[in-house]
Protein backbone atom coordinates (compact mmCIF):
# COMPACT_ATOMS: atom_id res chain seq x y z
CA MET A 1 0.00 0.00 0.00
CA GLN A 2 1.94 3.00 -1.22
CA ASN A 3 2.03 6.31 0.57
CA GLN A 4 -0.66 8.22 -1.24
CA GLU A 5 -3.22 10.81 -0.36
CA SER A 6 -6.59 9.26 0.35
CA PRO A 7 -9.50 10.69 -1.66
CA ILE A 8 -11.46 10.83 1.59
CA VAL A 9 -10.09 12.55 4.68
CA PHE A 10 -11.29 10.70 7.77
CA ASP A 11 -11.20 13.21 10.59
CA ARG A 12 -12.46 12.09 14.00
CA GLU A 13 -16.03 13.24 13.39
CA ARG A 14 -16.31 11.50 10.02
CA ALA A 15 -14.67 8.34 11.33
CA SER A 16 -16.97 8.12 14.36
CA SER A 17 -20.08 8.39 12.20
CA TYR A 18 -18.85 6.20 9.33
CA ASP A 19 -20.52 2.92 10.31
CA LYS A 20 -23.72 4.56 11.52
CA ARG A 21 -23.95 6.36 8.20
CA PHE A 22 -24.18 3.09 6.30
CA ALA A 23 -26.13 1.15 8.93
CA LYS A 24 -29.08 0.66 6.56
CA LEU A 25 -26.78 -1.27 4.24
CA ALA A 26 -25.69 -3.71 6.94
CA PRO A 27 -27.28 -6.73 5.16
CA MET A 28 -24.88 -6.22 2.23
CA ARG A 29 -21.91 -6.03 4.58
CA ASP A 30 -23.08 -9.01 6.60
CA ALA A 31 -23.41 -11.18 3.49
CA LEU A 32 -19.84 -10.32 2.53
CA HIS A 33 -18.52 -11.10 6.01
CA LEU A 34 -20.34 -14.43 6.15
CA LEU A 35 -18.92 -15.54 2.82
CA ILE A 36 -15.41 -14.42 3.79
CA ARG A 37 -15.77 -16.57 6.91
CA LEU A 38 -16.68 -19.57 4.76
CA VAL A 39 -13.88 -18.97 2.26
CA LEU A 40 -11.30 -18.83 5.06
CA SER A 41 -12.86 -21.43 7.35
CA GLU A 42 -10.25 -24.14 6.66
CA LEU A 43 -7.26 -22.03 7.64
CA PRO A 44 -5.19 -23.24 10.64
CA THR A 45 -6.69 -22.66 14.08
CA ASP A 46 -3.85 -20.22 14.83
CA ALA A 47 -3.94 -18.44 11.45
CA ARG A 48 -2.45 -14.99 11.00
CA ILE A 49 -4.68 -12.54 9.12
CA LEU A 50 -3.61 -9.25 7.51
CA CYS A 51 -6.41 -6.67 7.22
CA VAL A 52 -5.31 -4.03 4.71
CA GLY A 53 -7.28 -0.80 4.96
CA ALA A 54 -8.93 -2.12 8.13
CA GLY A 55 -11.02 1.00 8.69
CA THR A 56 -13.13 0.72 11.83
CA GLY A 57 -12.39 -2.99 12.04
CA LEU A 58 -15.74 -4.56 11.25
CA GLU A 59 -14.46 -7.57 9.30
CA LEU A 60 -11.57 -8.01 11.75
CA ILE A 61 -13.91 -8.19 14.74
CA TYR A 62 -16.34 -10.49 12.94
CA LEU A 63 -13.58 -12.94 12.04
CA ALA A 64 -11.90 -12.68 15.45
CA GLN A 65 -15.15 -13.62 17.16
CA ALA A 66 -15.72 -16.53 14.76
CA PHE A 67 -12.16 -17.88 15.07
CA PRO A 68 -10.99 -17.30 18.67
CA GLN A 69 -7.33 -18.23 18.13
CA TRP A 70 -6.61 -16.26 14.98
CA GLN A 71 -4.15 -13.36 15.16
CA PHE A 72 -4.77 -10.12 13.26
CA THR A 73 -2.70 -7.24 11.95
CA ALA A 74 -4.75 -4.15 11.07
CA VAL A 75 -3.15 -1.74 8.59
CA GLU A 76 -4.90 1.63 8.32
CA PRO A 77 -3.44 5.06 7.39
CA ALA A 78 -6.28 7.12 8.93
CA ALA A 79 -5.54 7.50 12.64
CA PRO A 80 -9.18 8.24 13.67
CA MET A 81 -10.39 5.08 11.91
CA LEU A 82 -7.66 2.97 13.49
CA ASP A 83 -8.47 4.43 16.92
CA ILE A 84 -12.05 3.20 16.54
CA CYS A 85 -10.80 -0.20 15.38
CA ARG A 86 -8.55 -0.48 18.42
CA GLN A 87 -11.29 0.69 20.82
CA ARG A 88 -13.77 -1.83 19.43
CA ALA A 89 -11.22 -4.63 19.65
CA GLU A 90 -10.67 -3.77 23.31
CA GLU A 91 -14.40 -3.68 23.99
CA CYS A 92 -14.82 -7.10 22.35
CA GLY A 93 -11.91 -8.59 24.29
CA ILE A 94 -9.83 -9.39 21.21
CA ALA A 95 -7.19 -6.64 21.36
CA SER A 96 -4.57 -9.04 22.73
CA ARG A 97 -4.76 -10.91 19.41
CA CYS A 98 -4.36 -7.77 17.32
CA THR A 99 -1.51 -5.62 16.08
CA PHE A 100 -2.46 -2.12 14.94
CA HIS A 101 -0.32 -0.37 12.34
CA GLU A 102 -1.04 3.27 11.50
CA GLY A 103 0.29 3.73 8.00
CA TYR A 104 0.51 1.96 4.68
CA LEU A 105 1.49 -1.56 3.78
CA ASP A 106 4.98 -0.57 2.66
CA SER A 107 5.77 0.73 6.16
CA LEU A 108 4.53 -2.38 7.98
CA PRO A 109 7.51 -4.01 9.75
CA ALA A 110 8.59 -7.41 8.48
CA SER A 111 6.97 -10.33 10.26
CA HIS A 112 6.04 -13.96 9.80
CA SER A 113 4.02 -14.59 6.66
CA PHE A 114 0.24 -14.31 6.87
CA ASP A 115 -2.20 -17.10 6.05
CA ALA A 116 -4.69 -14.68 4.51
CA ALA A 117 -5.27 -11.01 3.77
CA THR A 118 -8.49 -9.04 3.49
CA CYS A 119 -8.67 -5.89 1.38
CA LEU A 120 -12.20 -4.49 1.24
CA LEU A 121 -13.02 -1.41 -0.86
CA VAL A 122 -9.40 -0.27 -0.99
CA SER A 123 -7.67 -1.07 -4.29
CA HIS A 124 -10.13 0.88 -6.44
CA PHE A 125 -8.59 4.06 -5.02
CA PHE A 126 -5.43 3.35 -7.01
CA MET A 127 -6.03 5.28 -10.20
CA GLN A 128 -3.36 3.60 -12.32
CA GLN A 129 -3.38 -0.12 -13.08
CA ASP A 130 0.35 -0.48 -12.38
CA GLU A 131 -0.19 1.10 -8.94
CA ARG A 132 -2.99 -1.37 -8.21
CA ARG A 133 -0.84 -4.26 -9.45
CA ASN A 134 2.02 -3.16 -7.19
CA PHE A 135 -0.41 -2.95 -4.27
CA PHE A 136 -1.58 -6.53 -4.76
CA SER A 137 2.03 -7.65 -5.26
CA GLN A 138 2.90 -6.17 -1.87
CA ILE A 139 0.09 -8.18 -0.31
CA ALA A 140 1.26 -11.35 -2.07
CA SER A 141 4.77 -10.86 -0.72
CA ARG A 142 3.36 -10.89 2.83
CA LEU A 143 1.44 -14.17 2.38
CA CYS A 144 2.41 -17.78 2.83
CA PRO A 145 2.49 -19.87 -0.37
CA ASN A 146 -1.16 -20.65 -1.20
CA GLY A 147 -2.25 -17.95 1.27
CA TYR A 148 -5.61 -16.35 0.58
CA LEU A 149 -6.38 -12.87 -0.69
CA VAL A 150 -9.96 -11.68 -0.23
CA SER A 151 -10.56 -8.45 -2.13
CA ALA A 152 -13.72 -6.45 -2.76
CA ASP A 153 -14.01 -3.34 -4.90
CA LEU A 154 -16.32 -1.40 -7.15
CA ALA A 155 -16.13 -2.92 -10.62
CA SER A 156 -18.21 -2.73 -13.77
CA ASP A 157 -17.89 -2.51 -17.53
CA LYS A 158 -18.96 1.08 -18.13
CA SER A 159 -19.50 0.38 -21.84
CA THR A 160 -22.53 -1.82 -21.15
CA SER A 161 -26.17 -0.92 -20.56
CA ALA A 162 -26.15 -3.22 -17.52
CA CYS A 163 -23.52 -1.04 -15.89
CA GLN A 164 -25.61 2.09 -16.36
CA SER A 165 -28.65 0.35 -14.95
CA LEU A 166 -26.72 -0.86 -11.89
CA PHE A 167 -25.27 2.61 -11.43
CA GLU A 168 -28.76 4.11 -11.20
CA VAL A 169 -29.73 1.52 -8.59
CA TRP A 170 -26.51 2.31 -6.76
CA LEU A 171 -27.54 5.97 -6.56
CA ARG A 172 -30.91 4.88 -5.17
CA MET A 173 -29.01 2.88 -2.57
CA LEU A 174 -27.04 5.96 -1.54
CA ARG A 175 -30.25 7.95 -1.20
CA TYR A 176 -31.77 5.09 0.82
CA SER A 177 -28.81 5.19 3.20
CA GLU A 178 -29.33 8.97 3.57
CA VAL A 179 -26.04 10.07 2.05
CA PRO A 180 -26.22 13.87 1.57
CA ALA A 181 -27.41 14.90 -1.88
CA GLU A 182 -24.26 16.90 -2.63
CA GLU A 183 -22.09 13.84 -1.97
CA ILE A 184 -24.25 11.71 -4.23
CA GLU A 185 -23.86 14.24 -7.02
CA LYS A 186 -20.11 14.34 -6.44
CA PHE A 187 -20.01 10.56 -6.74
CA ARG A 188 -22.06 10.70 -9.93
CA ALA A 189 -19.71 13.23 -11.48
CA SER A 190 -16.52 11.34 -10.58
CA TYR A 191 -17.82 7.80 -11.13
CA GLY A 192 -15.29 5.59 -12.86
CA GLN A 193 -12.40 7.97 -12.26
CA ASN A 194 -12.21 8.31 -8.49
CA PRO A 195 -12.60 5.57 -7.48
CA ALA A 196 -11.26 3.79 -10.55
CA VAL A 197 -14.02 1.44 -11.68
CA LEU A 198 -12.68 -1.19 -14.07
CA PRO A 199 -14.43 -4.12 -15.76
CA PRO A 200 -14.39 -7.19 -13.50
CA LEU A 201 -12.22 -9.15 -15.94
CA GLU A 202 -9.58 -6.41 -15.82
CA VAL A 203 -9.53 -6.46 -12.04
CA GLU A 204 -9.15 -10.24 -12.13
CA SER A 205 -6.28 -9.90 -14.60
CA ILE A 206 -4.50 -7.38 -12.36
CA ILE A 207 -4.81 -9.68 -9.34
CA ALA A 208 -3.66 -12.73 -11.32
CA SER A 209 -0.59 -10.85 -12.59
CA SER A 210 0.37 -9.82 -9.05
CA GLY A 211 1.40 -13.21 -7.71
CA PHE A 212 -1.98 -14.92 -7.37
CA ASP A 213 -3.88 -17.71 -9.07
CA THR A 214 -6.94 -16.81 -11.13
CA PRO A 215 -9.35 -15.01 -8.77
CA VAL A 216 -12.77 -16.50 -8.04
CA LEU A 217 -15.73 -14.12 -7.95
CA PHE A 218 -17.79 -15.19 -4.93
CA LEU A 219 -20.14 -12.26 -4.41
CA GLN A 220 -21.61 -9.31 -6.27
CA THR A 221 -23.84 -6.74 -4.62
CA LEU A 222 -24.71 -4.12 -7.24
CA LEU A 223 -21.33 -2.58 -8.21
CA ILE A 224 -19.33 -4.27 -5.44
CA HIS A 225 -17.50 -7.39 -6.59
CA ALA A 226 -15.66 -9.68 -4.19
CA TRP A 227 -13.00 -12.23 -5.15
CA TYR A 228 -10.76 -14.68 -3.44
CA ALA A 229 -7.45 -15.91 -4.81
CA ARG A 230 -4.53 -18.01 -3.60
CA ARG A 231 -0.97 -16.82 -3.67
CA THR A 232 0.91 -18.62 -6.41
CA PRO A 233 3.66 -20.84 -4.90
CA PRO A 234 7.06 -19.22 -5.63
CA SER A 235 8.13 -22.17 -7.78
CA LEU A 236 5.19 -21.54 -10.11
CA GLU A 237 5.40 -17.75 -10.36
CA VAL A 238 5.86 -16.33 -13.84
CA LYS A 239 9.20 -14.54 -14.06
């Protein structure tokens, strides 16, 4: 995760209201978390999980409660978001199994390899494909051979009528969740550029060229696509 300016500045007020703001969309989030749990359910009982762009820690806490011996490293550049993640972990009694790193992936100290990494709604903020590829390559370098990547991002083929239709439903979803009208219009104006919305096949190609096997699409909720992939064993990596 390169040092870059986030398109959203999470001050303390925005961070503290972030989850409440999208509370109406909790069923979408819960479906994603449940399926991530199933994808990763056969990892070792003492698995080490890297949460890249951990935010307020919702998927970390969900997985920590489901798998009581797993260890977690939360990487998050926004201090107010990481503070909430840490506070929630303490309240849930899982903080002793967590390491909290304020910063980007490239500044995370070296450690034992991770059995899996989660990266939810992060990589689409890399505007250039080579930046996104480098980001996934950094994650791959932190994983054990055959370790899992679980990644979810906005993705769609903007040249299709289906994309336009889904986009209109997406805007209805934002209105339903009571996002301010000016922010919805800002999203409409910047859609496809910030964040960078690529066709799903292009996202899969980027992941596969970053040290992973062919990604498997396991969930789509409107524009959000979620994949899992296994790190290619070093002996099989394309040089």
